[in-house]
Amino acid sequence: MLILRSFEPEDDKKLIEWINSPDLLVQWGGSDFDYPLTKRQLGKYRKRMQEGRLRIYSAVNEEGEVIGHISLDYIDKKNESARICRVLVGRQADRGRGTGQEMVRQILHTAFEEMHLHRVSLGVFDFNLPAAAAYEKVGFVTEGRLRDKVKVGEEFWSLLEMSMLKNEWKKKIQDDV
């Protein structure tokens, strides 16, 4: 059993520990953060929630331990849309066990059932095959590839753009029952 709860200042230390390389920081936070990740940067990130266009969560396991992080960003009430961002299952031992999928399912429930959004999107770097496969299992559809979207060091990374609509979410829930 996994629950999502609000990302609190006491969660900063664990997230900083998990983001232990510049490449991982780019994959997790894009250009919004600089390596090394700091409590000050996370404080600014958390402060953006006051604008109402961002919700940040920590994923907590049955033992009460924070094991992941996820956010719903770019919340656009007029267009009934949002974007899943900054998804991370912290420890290597917790990866590949469905934890990320469960985090995404729960945030989709929030987006579609509680916030009554119509569309949720996300981006994943095309080399992150496990994450892309996990998003597809949850029900996301690949819309396209943004070629050479981000420059990291001397190389460019391409991004897969994926989305899910509310009716697809409802069908996926019925099919999984």
C-alpha atoms as a PDB file:
ATOM      1  CA  MET A   1       0.000   0.000   0.000  1.00  0.00           C
ATOM      2  CA  LEU A   2       1.283   3.369  -1.012  1.00  0.00           C
ATOM      3  CA  ILE A   3      -0.128   6.802  -0.254  1.00  0.00           C
ATOM      4  CA  LEU A   4       0.649  10.227  -1.646  1.00  0.00           C
ATOM      5  CA  ARG A   5       0.872  13.051   0.851  1.00  0.00           C
ATOM      6  CA  SER A   6       1.954  16.649   0.578  1.00  0.00           C
ATOM      7  CA  PHE A   7       5.700  17.173   0.074  1.00  0.00           C
ATOM      8  CA  GLU A   8       6.957  18.646   3.351  1.00  0.00           C
ATOM      9  CA  PRO A   9      10.259  20.372   4.285  1.00  0.00           C
ATOM     10  CA  GLU A  10      11.305  17.280   6.258  1.00  0.00           C
ATOM     11  CA  ASP A  11      11.301  15.372   2.935  1.00  0.00           C
ATOM     12  CA  ASP A  12      13.997  17.624   1.440  1.00  0.00           C
ATOM     13  CA  LYS A  13      16.958  15.691   2.839  1.00  0.00           C
ATOM     14  CA  LYS A  14      15.858  12.390   1.304  1.00  0.00           C
ATOM     15  CA  LEU A  15      15.144  13.932  -2.111  1.00  0.00           C
ATOM     16  CA  ILE A  16      18.542  15.682  -2.116  1.00  0.00           C
ATOM     17  CA  GLU A  17      20.175  12.343  -1.249  1.00  0.00           C
ATOM     18  CA  TRP A  18      18.396  10.587  -4.142  1.00  0.00           C
ATOM     19  CA  ILE A  19      19.304  13.235  -6.751  1.00  0.00           C
ATOM     20  CA  ASN A  20      22.994  12.379  -6.685  1.00  0.00           C
ATOM     21  CA  SER A  21      24.164  13.317 -10.197  1.00  0.00           C
ATOM     22  CA  PRO A  22      23.693  16.173 -12.666  1.00  0.00           C
ATOM     23  CA  ASP A  23      22.167  13.782 -15.230  1.00  0.00           C
ATOM     24  CA  LEU A  24      19.582  12.497 -12.750  1.00  0.00           C
ATOM     25  CA  LEU A  25      18.736  16.083 -11.786  1.00  0.00           C
ATOM     26  CA  VAL A  26      18.031  16.918 -15.453  1.00  0.00           C
ATOM     27  CA  GLN A  27      15.868  13.801 -15.818  1.00  0.00           C
ATOM     28  CA  TRP A  28      13.965  14.606 -12.643  1.00  0.00           C
ATOM     29  CA  GLY A  29      13.696  18.384 -12.614  1.00  0.00           C
ATOM     30  CA  GLY A  30      14.583  19.643 -16.051  1.00  0.00           C
ATOM     31  CA  SER A  31      15.991  23.157 -16.217  1.00  0.00           C
ATOM     32  CA  ASP A  32      14.098  24.308 -13.105  1.00  0.00           C
ATOM     33  CA  PHE A  33      16.889  23.152 -10.792  1.00  0.00           C
ATOM     34  CA  ASP A  34      20.688  23.360 -10.615  1.00  0.00           C
ATOM     35  CA  TYR A  35      23.025  20.630  -9.422  1.00  0.00           C
ATOM     36  CA  PRO A  36      23.533  20.018  -6.608  1.00  0.00           C
ATOM     37  CA  LEU A  37      19.930  20.171  -5.479  1.00  0.00           C
ATOM     38  CA  THR A  38      19.557  22.265  -2.302  1.00  0.00           C
ATOM     39  CA  LYS A  39      16.962  22.939   0.373  1.00  0.00           C
ATOM     40  CA  ARG A  40      16.744  26.509  -0.907  1.00  0.00           C
ATOM     41  CA  GLN A  41      15.776  25.322  -4.411  1.00  0.00           C
ATOM     42  CA  LEU A  42      13.202  22.956  -2.911  1.00  0.00           C
ATOM     43  CA  GLY A  43      11.809  25.793  -0.799  1.00  0.00           C
ATOM     44  CA  LYS A  44      11.241  27.852  -3.965  1.00  0.00           C
ATOM     45  CA  TYR A  45       9.692  24.818  -5.637  1.00  0.00           C
ATOM     46  CA  ARG A  46       7.320  24.314  -2.696  1.00  0.00           C
ATOM     47  CA  LYS A  47       6.439  28.020  -2.674  1.00  0.00           C
ATOM     48  CA  ARG A  48       5.119  27.720  -6.264  1.00  0.00           C
ATOM     49  CA  MET A  49       2.237  25.650  -4.862  1.00  0.00           C
ATOM     50  CA  GLN A  50       0.730  28.880  -3.529  1.00  0.00           C
ATOM     51  CA  GLU A  51       0.024  29.935  -7.127  1.00  0.00           C
ATOM     52  CA  GLY A  52      -2.407  26.997  -7.449  1.00  0.00           C
ATOM     53  CA  ARG A  53      -0.783  25.577 -10.581  1.00  0.00           C
ATOM     54  CA  LEU A  54       1.335  22.945  -8.812  1.00  0.00           C
ATOM     55  CA  ARG A  55       0.751  20.103  -6.363  1.00  0.00           C
ATOM     56  CA  ILE A  56       3.757  18.249  -4.935  1.00  0.00           C
ATOM     57  CA  TYR A  57       3.609  14.847  -3.258  1.00  0.00           C
ATOM     58  CA  SER A  58       5.810  12.408  -1.421  1.00  0.00           C
ATOM     59  CA  ALA A  59       5.030   8.707  -1.834  1.00  0.00           C
ATOM     60  CA  VAL A  60       4.943   6.927   1.516  1.00  0.00           C
ATOM     61  CA  ASN A  61       4.991   3.148   2.027  1.00  0.00           C
ATOM     62  CA  GLU A  62       3.140   1.090   4.664  1.00  0.00           C
ATOM     63  CA  GLU A  63       5.954   1.629   7.164  1.00  0.00           C
ATOM     64  CA  GLY A  64       5.585   5.411   6.831  1.00  0.00           C
ATOM     65  CA  GLU A  65       8.850   5.779   4.926  1.00  0.00           C
ATOM     66  CA  VAL A  66       9.097   8.254   2.049  1.00  0.00           C
ATOM     67  CA  ILE A  67      10.076   6.227  -1.009  1.00  0.00           C
ATOM     68  CA  GLY A  68       9.202   8.520  -3.908  1.00  0.00           C
ATOM     69  CA  HIS A  69       8.284  11.921  -5.251  1.00  0.00           C
ATOM     70  CA  ILE A  70       5.795  13.129  -7.877  1.00  0.00           C
ATOM     71  CA  SER A  71       4.152  16.399  -8.846  1.00  0.00           C
ATOM     72  CA  LEU A  72       1.197  17.612 -10.856  1.00  0.00           C
ATOM     73  CA  ASP A  73       2.294  20.841 -12.507  1.00  0.00           C
ATOM     74  CA  TYR A  74       1.011  23.342 -15.059  1.00  0.00           C
ATOM     75  CA  ILE A  75      -2.511  22.922 -13.710  1.00  0.00           C
ATOM     76  CA  ASP A  76      -4.755  24.789 -16.126  1.00  0.00           C
ATOM     77  CA  LYS A  77      -8.330  24.924 -14.866  1.00  0.00           C
ATOM     78  CA  LYS A  78      -9.611  26.738 -17.961  1.00  0.00           C
ATOM     79  CA  ASN A  79      -8.399  23.973 -20.287  1.00  0.00           C
ATOM     80  CA  GLU A  80      -8.870  21.247 -17.661  1.00  0.00           C
ATOM     81  CA  SER A  81      -5.321  19.972 -18.045  1.00  0.00           C
ATOM     82  CA  ALA A  82      -2.144  19.354 -16.085  1.00  0.00           C
ATOM     83  CA  ARG A  83       1.248  17.701 -16.450  1.00  0.00           C
ATOM     84  CA  ILE A  84       2.820  14.995 -14.321  1.00  0.00           C
ATOM     85  CA  CYS A  85       6.378  16.045 -13.528  1.00  0.00           C
ATOM     86  CA  ARG A  86       9.347  15.129 -11.365  1.00  0.00           C
ATOM     87  CA  VAL A  87       8.531  11.460 -10.883  1.00  0.00           C
ATOM     88  CA  LEU A  88      11.146   9.583  -8.878  1.00  0.00           C
ATOM     89  CA  VAL A  89      11.210   6.284  -7.044  1.00  0.00           C
ATOM     90  CA  GLY A  90      14.068   7.018  -4.673  1.00  0.00           C
ATOM     91  CA  ARG A  91      15.920   3.824  -3.886  1.00  0.00           C
ATOM     92  CA  GLN A  92      17.116   1.476  -6.588  1.00  0.00           C
ATOM     93  CA  ALA A  93      15.669  -1.442  -4.561  1.00  0.00           C
ATOM     94  CA  ASP A  94      12.153   0.045  -4.877  1.00  0.00           C
ATOM     95  CA  ARG A  95      12.351   0.419  -8.660  1.00  0.00           C
ATOM     96  CA  GLY A  96      10.917  -2.098 -11.095  1.00  0.00           C
ATOM     97  CA  ARG A  97       8.304  -3.219  -8.558  1.00  0.00           C
ATOM     98  CA  GLY A  98       5.329  -1.154  -9.726  1.00  0.00           C
ATOM     99  CA  THR A  99       5.938   1.691  -7.263  1.00  0.00           C
ATOM    100  CA  GLY A 100       6.151   4.349  -9.968  1.00  0.00           C
ATOM    101  CA  GLN A 101       3.026   3.020 -11.663  1.00  0.00           C
ATOM    102  CA  GLU A 102       1.110   3.175  -8.390  1.00  0.00           C
ATOM    103  CA  MET A 103       2.287   6.754  -7.794  1.00  0.00           C
ATOM    104  CA  VAL A 104       1.089   7.725 -11.267  1.00  0.00           C
ATOM    105  CA  ARG A 105      -2.263   5.941 -10.817  1.00  0.00           C
ATOM    106  CA  GLN A 106      -2.865   7.829  -7.588  1.00  0.00           C
ATOM    107  CA  ILE A 107      -1.997  11.217  -9.038  1.00  0.00           C
ATOM    108  CA  LEU A 108      -4.242  10.455 -12.033  1.00  0.00           C
ATOM    109  CA  HIS A 109      -7.072   9.690  -9.617  1.00  0.00           C
ATOM    110  CA  THR A 110      -6.506  13.111  -8.054  1.00  0.00           C
ATOM    111  CA  ALA A 111      -6.384  14.805 -11.459  1.00  0.00           C
ATOM    112  CA  PHE A 112      -9.408  13.135 -13.026  1.00  0.00           C
ATOM    113  CA  GLU A 113     -11.678  12.280 -10.094  1.00  0.00           C
ATOM    114  CA  GLU A 114     -10.989  15.067  -7.609  1.00  0.00           C
ATOM    115  CA  MET A 115      -9.890  17.972  -9.819  1.00  0.00           C
ATOM    116  CA  HIS A 116     -12.145  16.964 -12.743  1.00  0.00           C
ATOM    117  CA  LEU A 117      -9.454  17.535 -15.352  1.00  0.00           C
ATOM    118  CA  HIS A 118      -9.854  16.332 -18.937  1.00  0.00           C
ATOM    119  CA  ARG A 119      -6.201  15.769 -19.962  1.00  0.00           C
ATOM    120  CA  VAL A 120      -2.957  14.878 -18.206  1.00  0.00           C
ATOM    121  CA  SER A 121       0.374  14.837 -20.017  1.00  0.00           C
ATOM    122  CA  LEU A 122       3.973  13.996 -19.198  1.00  0.00           C
ATOM    123  CA  GLY A 123       7.367  13.829 -20.843  1.00  0.00           C
ATOM    124  CA  VAL A 124       9.963  11.093 -20.524  1.00  0.00           C
ATOM    125  CA  PHE A 125      13.386  10.941 -22.122  1.00  0.00           C
ATOM    126  CA  ASP A 126      13.357   8.354 -24.888  1.00  0.00           C
ATOM    127  CA  PHE A 127      16.262   6.374 -23.427  1.00  0.00           C
ATOM    128  CA  ASN A 128      14.334   5.803 -20.173  1.00  0.00           C
ATOM    129  CA  LEU A 129      12.613   2.697 -21.513  1.00  0.00           C
ATOM    130  CA  PRO A 130      11.468   1.336 -18.113  1.00  0.00           C
ATOM    131  CA  ALA A 131       9.661   4.595 -17.290  1.00  0.00           C
ATOM    132  CA  ALA A 132       8.068   4.845 -20.748  1.00  0.00           C
ATOM    133  CA  ALA A 133       6.860   1.232 -20.466  1.00  0.00           C
ATOM    134  CA  ALA A 134       5.451   1.906 -16.987  1.00  0.00           C
ATOM    135  CA  TYR A 135       3.516   4.934 -18.256  1.00  0.00           C
ATOM    136  CA  GLU A 136       2.109   2.862 -21.122  1.00  0.00           C
ATOM    137  CA  LYS A 137       0.991   0.163 -18.655  1.00  0.00           C
ATOM    138  CA  VAL A 138      -0.897   2.816 -16.709  1.00  0.00           C
ATOM    139  CA  GLY A 139      -2.604   3.874 -19.950  1.00  0.00           C
ATOM    140  CA  PHE A 140      -0.624   6.792 -21.368  1.00  0.00           C
ATOM    141  CA  VAL A 141      -0.446   7.163 -25.136  1.00  0.00           C
ATOM    142  CA  THR A 142       2.694   8.398 -26.884  1.00  0.00           C
ATOM    143  CA  GLU A 143       1.846  11.501 -28.908  1.00  0.00           C
ATOM    144  CA  GLY A 144       5.256  12.150 -30.384  1.00  0.00           C
ATOM    145  CA  ARG A 145       8.961  12.695 -29.905  1.00  0.00           C
ATOM    146  CA  LEU A 146      10.570  16.075 -29.307  1.00  0.00           C
ATOM    147  CA  ARG A 147      13.905  15.471 -30.966  1.00  0.00           C
ATOM    148  CA  ASP A 148      17.062  16.776 -29.276  1.00  0.00           C
ATOM    149  CA  LYS A 149      14.919  18.683 -26.746  1.00  0.00           C
ATOM    150  CA  VAL A 150      17.560  19.132 -24.028  1.00  0.00           C
ATOM    151  CA  LYS A 151      21.329  19.549 -24.188  1.00  0.00           C
ATOM    152  CA  VAL A 152      23.131  17.741 -21.392  1.00  0.00           C
ATOM    153  CA  GLY A 153      26.879  18.155 -21.512  1.00  0.00           C
ATOM    154  CA  GLU A 154      27.801  17.629 -25.157  1.00  0.00           C
ATOM    155  CA  GLU A 155      24.820  15.488 -26.130  1.00  0.00           C
ATOM    156  CA  PHE A 156      21.174  16.129 -26.846  1.00  0.00           C
ATOM    157  CA  TRP A 157      18.330  14.141 -25.297  1.00  0.00           C
ATOM    158  CA  SER A 158      14.997  13.538 -27.022  1.00  0.00           C
ATOM    159  CA  LEU A 159      11.712  13.539 -25.125  1.00  0.00           C
ATOM    160  CA  LEU A 160       8.667  11.335 -25.620  1.00  0.00           C
ATOM    161  CA  GLU A 161       5.457  13.305 -25.122  1.00  0.00           C
ATOM    162  CA  MET A 162       2.658  11.196 -23.626  1.00  0.00           C
ATOM    163  CA  SER A 163      -0.881  11.913 -22.461  1.00  0.00           C
ATOM    164  CA  MET A 164      -4.082  10.437 -21.127  1.00  0.00           C
ATOM    165  CA  LEU A 165      -7.632  11.738 -21.402  1.00  0.00           C
ATOM    166  CA  LYS A 166     -10.298  11.332 -18.737  1.00  0.00           C
ATOM    167  CA  ASN A 167     -12.369   8.910 -20.843  1.00  0.00           C
ATOM    168  CA  GLU A 168      -9.254   6.740 -21.358  1.00  0.00           C
ATOM    169  CA  TRP A 169      -8.672   6.782 -17.596  1.00  0.00           C
ATOM    170  CA  LYS A 170     -12.246   5.669 -16.903  1.00  0.00           C
ATOM    171  CA  LYS A 171     -11.976   2.864 -19.485  1.00  0.00           C
ATOM    172  CA  LYS A 172      -8.630   1.744 -18.044  1.00  0.00           C
ATOM    173  CA  ILE A 173     -10.143   1.540 -14.557  1.00  0.00           C
ATOM    174  CA  GLN A 174     -13.066  -0.563 -15.857  1.00  0.00           C
ATOM    175  CA  ASP A 175     -10.731  -2.847 -17.815  1.00  0.00           C
ATOM    176  CA  ASP A 176      -8.488  -3.393 -14.771  1.00  0.00           C
ATOM    177  CA  VAL A 177     -11.392  -4.416 -12.493  1.00  0.00           C
END
